[in-house]
Amino acid sequence: MSRGVGNGWGPLGLLPRVASGAMAVPVVAGFVVLGAVVIVVRSAREIARETWSHLPPWRVARGNEAHSETHAA
């Protein structure tokens, strides 16, 4: 009882499917890793920006202590 449906999953027909699947896995994994890195970097940058905005400045000019009174060259 033979049906005329072609060669099926022979060794030569299976090889391109396995090769394309093997190439697709690292590509998809690379995009997932890239997306995760972008999210982590953006979060870290936002946390750093928020932290620095809450810190007081190192030098605070009081009253008449301006640059005109310094003795710098």
Protein backbone atom coordinates (compact mmCIF):
# COMPACT_ATOMS: atom_id res chain seq x y z
CA MET A 1 0.00 0.00 0.00
CA SER A 2 2.05 2.93 -1.27
CA ARG A 3 0.91 6.53 -1.31
CA GLY A 4 2.57 9.01 -3.63
CA VAL A 5 3.51 11.63 -1.05
CA GLY A 6 7.22 12.03 -1.78
CA ASN A 7 10.36 10.98 0.03
CA GLY A 8 9.21 11.98 3.50
CA TRP A 9 11.77 12.49 6.25
CA GLY A 10 14.78 10.89 4.62
CA PRO A 11 18.29 11.67 5.78
CA LEU A 12 18.87 14.26 3.05
CA GLY A 13 15.52 15.93 3.64
CA LEU A 14 16.08 16.14 7.37
CA LEU A 15 19.53 17.73 7.24
CA PRO A 16 18.45 21.26 6.11
CA ARG A 17 15.75 21.35 8.79
CA VAL A 18 18.19 20.40 11.53
CA ALA A 19 20.79 22.89 10.27
CA SER A 20 18.30 25.77 10.12
CA GLY A 21 17.02 24.90 13.59
CA ALA A 22 20.58 24.81 14.92
CA MET A 23 21.24 28.27 13.46
CA ALA A 24 17.96 29.74 14.72
CA VAL A 25 18.54 28.84 18.37
CA PRO A 26 21.64 31.06 18.90
CA VAL A 27 20.02 33.92 16.99
CA VAL A 28 16.91 33.86 19.17
CA ALA A 29 19.01 33.43 22.32
CA GLY A 30 21.16 36.40 21.26
CA PHE A 31 18.12 38.64 20.88
CA VAL A 32 16.81 37.55 24.29
CA VAL A 33 20.18 38.30 25.92
CA LEU A 34 20.42 41.65 24.13
CA GLY A 35 16.96 42.63 25.35
CA ALA A 36 17.83 41.63 28.91
CA VAL A 37 21.04 43.68 28.81
CA VAL A 38 19.18 46.74 27.54
CA ILE A 39 16.62 46.46 30.34
CA VAL A 40 19.31 46.04 33.02
CA VAL A 41 21.38 48.97 31.73
CA ARG A 42 18.35 51.27 31.56
CA SER A 43 17.31 50.28 35.07
CA ALA A 44 20.82 50.81 36.45
CA ARG A 45 21.06 54.19 34.74
CA GLU A 46 17.71 55.27 36.17
CA ILE A 47 18.70 54.12 39.68
CA ALA A 48 22.01 56.00 39.44
CA ARG A 49 20.29 59.14 38.18
CA GLU A 50 17.74 58.99 40.98
CA THR A 51 20.43 58.38 43.61
CA TRP A 52 22.55 61.31 42.44
CA SER A 53 19.53 63.62 42.43
CA HIS A 54 18.99 62.98 46.17
CA LEU A 55 22.61 63.68 47.20
CA PRO A 56 23.50 67.22 48.28
CA PRO A 57 26.09 69.09 46.23
CA TRP A 58 29.69 68.86 47.43
CA ARG A 59 30.34 72.58 47.34
CA VAL A 60 27.71 75.03 48.41
CA ALA A 61 28.30 78.71 47.71
CA ARG A 62 27.24 80.77 50.74
CA GLY A 63 26.42 84.42 50.53
CA ASN A 64 29.16 86.41 48.81
CA GLU A 65 31.56 83.51 48.29
CA ALA A 66 31.56 83.70 44.55
CA HIS A 67 34.25 83.06 41.98
CA SER A 68 35.16 86.73 41.94
CA GLU A 69 36.69 86.46 45.43
CA THR A 70 38.95 83.51 44.64
CA HIS A 71 42.67 84.03 44.09
CA ALA A 72 42.91 81.60 41.22
CA ALA A 73 44.85 82.66 38.16
